[in-house]
């Protein structure tokens, strides 16, 4: 019925996320990371990069702010923060 779903790394390379990302962005605390790579595997845009413990980050040019990386982190080492855009007022 359905074929295999395959996400290619940074498949939206020509379409940077830009300002249409929801107002959240992940912050990799890099304190308790165990390099399980769950954040890398779950990211729908494949924008999370890193090779070993405490080196994981995401490319905010492609991040949609979905929060999946923070949700699957077993050590809760990724937090979602509200992002300010140029036209925002507080």
C-alpha atoms as a PDB file:
ATOM      1  CA  UNK A   1       0.000   0.000   0.000  1.00  0.00           C
ATOM      2  CA  UNK A   2       2.631   2.546   1.078  1.00  0.00           C
ATOM      3  CA  UNK A   3       6.306   2.469   0.226  1.00  0.00           C
ATOM      4  CA  UNK A   4       9.052   3.017   2.779  1.00  0.00           C
ATOM      5  CA  UNK A   5       9.320   6.527   4.188  1.00  0.00           C
ATOM      6  CA  UNK A   6      12.816   7.899   3.792  1.00  0.00           C
ATOM      7  CA  UNK A   7      14.032  11.277   5.015  1.00  0.00           C
ATOM      8  CA  UNK A   8      17.026  12.540   3.140  1.00  0.00           C
ATOM      9  CA  UNK A   9      19.446  14.796   5.047  1.00  0.00           C
ATOM     10  CA  UNK A  10      18.412  18.431   4.778  1.00  0.00           C
ATOM     11  CA  UNK A  11      15.959  17.686   1.996  1.00  0.00           C
ATOM     12  CA  UNK A  12      14.766  21.293   2.095  1.00  0.00           C
ATOM     13  CA  UNK A  13      18.226  22.709   1.436  1.00  0.00           C
ATOM     14  CA  UNK A  14      16.816  25.146  -1.090  1.00  0.00           C
ATOM     15  CA  UNK A  15      13.912  26.148   1.178  1.00  0.00           C
ATOM     16  CA  UNK A  16      15.377  27.390   4.421  1.00  0.00           C
ATOM     17  CA  UNK A  17      12.790  27.466   7.162  1.00  0.00           C
ATOM     18  CA  UNK A  18      13.185  31.198   7.748  1.00  0.00           C
ATOM     19  CA  UNK A  19      10.498  33.076   9.662  1.00  0.00           C
ATOM     20  CA  UNK A  20       7.709  30.521   9.175  1.00  0.00           C
ATOM     21  CA  UNK A  21       9.098  28.304  11.956  1.00  0.00           C
ATOM     22  CA  UNK A  22       6.823  28.183  14.969  1.00  0.00           C
ATOM     23  CA  UNK A  23       8.042  30.389  17.796  1.00  0.00           C
ATOM     24  CA  UNK A  24      10.031  27.641  19.490  1.00  0.00           C
ATOM     25  CA  UNK A  25      13.590  26.513  19.014  1.00  0.00           C
ATOM     26  CA  UNK A  26      15.573  23.740  20.687  1.00  0.00           C
ATOM     27  CA  UNK A  27      18.434  24.536  23.031  1.00  0.00           C
ATOM     28  CA  UNK A  28      20.935  21.716  23.440  1.00  0.00           C
ATOM     29  CA  UNK A  29      22.161  22.057  27.021  1.00  0.00           C
ATOM     30  CA  UNK A  30      25.093  19.683  26.408  1.00  0.00           C
ATOM     31  CA  UNK A  31      25.355  18.683  30.062  1.00  0.00           C
ATOM     32  CA  UNK A  32      23.830  15.213  30.379  1.00  0.00           C
ATOM     33  CA  UNK A  33      23.992  14.030  26.744  1.00  0.00           C
ATOM     34  CA  UNK A  34      24.698  10.308  26.388  1.00  0.00           C
ATOM     35  CA  UNK A  35      24.990  10.400  22.566  1.00  0.00           C
ATOM     36  CA  UNK A  36      22.002   8.093  22.068  1.00  0.00           C
ATOM     37  CA  UNK A  37      21.254   9.872  18.740  1.00  0.00           C
ATOM     38  CA  UNK A  38      17.499   9.805  19.312  1.00  0.00           C
ATOM     39  CA  UNK A  39      17.329  13.515  18.409  1.00  0.00           C
ATOM     40  CA  UNK A  40      19.153  12.793  15.144  1.00  0.00           C
ATOM     41  CA  UNK A  41      16.813   9.935  14.254  1.00  0.00           C
ATOM     42  CA  UNK A  42      13.533  11.724  15.057  1.00  0.00           C
ATOM     43  CA  UNK A  43      14.225  15.070  13.331  1.00  0.00           C
ATOM     44  CA  UNK A  44      11.924  15.347  10.276  1.00  0.00           C
ATOM     45  CA  UNK A  45      14.322  17.738   8.513  1.00  0.00           C
ATOM     46  CA  UNK A  46      17.528  15.910   9.493  1.00  0.00           C
ATOM     47  CA  UNK A  47      19.033  19.151  10.769  1.00  0.00           C
ATOM     48  CA  UNK A  48      20.500  17.754  14.011  1.00  0.00           C
ATOM     49  CA  UNK A  49      24.226  17.145  13.827  1.00  0.00           C
ATOM     50  CA  UNK A  50      26.844  15.754  16.197  1.00  0.00           C
ATOM     51  CA  UNK A  51      29.321  12.945  16.523  1.00  0.00           C
ATOM     52  CA  UNK A  52      29.858  12.266  20.189  1.00  0.00           C
ATOM     53  CA  UNK A  53      28.663  13.098  23.654  1.00  0.00           C
ATOM     54  CA  UNK A  54      27.891  16.787  24.273  1.00  0.00           C
ATOM     55  CA  UNK A  55      28.393  17.866  20.650  1.00  0.00           C
ATOM     56  CA  UNK A  56      24.837  17.765  19.284  1.00  0.00           C
ATOM     57  CA  UNK A  57      23.200  20.891  17.854  1.00  0.00           C
ATOM     58  CA  UNK A  58      20.744  21.699  15.118  1.00  0.00           C
ATOM     59  CA  UNK A  59      20.920  23.967  12.103  1.00  0.00           C
ATOM     60  CA  UNK A  60      18.324  26.655  12.837  1.00  0.00           C
ATOM     61  CA  UNK A  61      18.125  27.498   9.126  1.00  0.00           C
ATOM     62  CA  UNK A  62      16.176  24.260   8.663  1.00  0.00           C
ATOM     63  CA  UNK A  63      14.655  23.611  12.116  1.00  0.00           C
ATOM     64  CA  UNK A  64      10.857  23.904  12.194  1.00  0.00           C
ATOM     65  CA  UNK A  65      10.640  24.036  15.986  1.00  0.00           C
ATOM     66  CA  UNK A  66       8.499  20.911  16.204  1.00  0.00           C
ATOM     67  CA  UNK A  67      10.041  19.847  19.537  1.00  0.00           C
ATOM     68  CA  UNK A  68      10.396  16.177  18.677  1.00  0.00           C
ATOM     69  CA  UNK A  69      14.083  16.206  19.582  1.00  0.00           C
ATOM     70  CA  UNK A  70      13.303  17.530  23.077  1.00  0.00           C
ATOM     71  CA  UNK A  71      10.443  15.076  23.509  1.00  0.00           C
ATOM     72  CA  UNK A  72      12.561  11.981  22.808  1.00  0.00           C
ATOM     73  CA  UNK A  73      15.683  12.991  24.745  1.00  0.00           C
ATOM     74  CA  UNK A  74      15.985  10.432  27.580  1.00  0.00           C
ATOM     75  CA  UNK A  75      18.138  12.802  29.663  1.00  0.00           C
ATOM     76  CA  UNK A  76      15.963  15.890  29.031  1.00  0.00           C
ATOM     77  CA  UNK A  77      19.105  17.657  27.820  1.00  0.00           C
ATOM     78  CA  UNK A  78      17.198  19.513  25.086  1.00  0.00           C
ATOM     79  CA  UNK A  79      14.779  22.280  26.034  1.00  0.00           C
ATOM     80  CA  UNK A  80      12.447  24.296  23.829  1.00  0.00           C
ATOM     81  CA  UNK A  81      12.640  28.083  24.140  1.00  0.00           C
ATOM     82  CA  UNK A  82      10.468  30.794  22.668  1.00  0.00           C
ATOM     83  CA  UNK A  83      12.185  32.572  19.826  1.00  0.00           C
ATOM     84  CA  UNK A  84      11.921  36.302  19.209  1.00  0.00           C
ATOM     85  CA  UNK A  85      11.447  37.527  15.662  1.00  0.00           C
ATOM     86  CA  UNK A  86      12.427  40.971  14.391  1.00  0.00           C
ATOM     87  CA  UNK A  87       8.878  42.363  14.535  1.00  0.00           C
ATOM     88  CA  UNK A  88       7.921  40.956  17.935  1.00  0.00           C
ATOM     89  CA  UNK A  89       7.114  43.259  20.823  1.00  0.00           C
ATOM     90  CA  UNK A  90       7.261  42.321  24.466  1.00  0.00           C
END
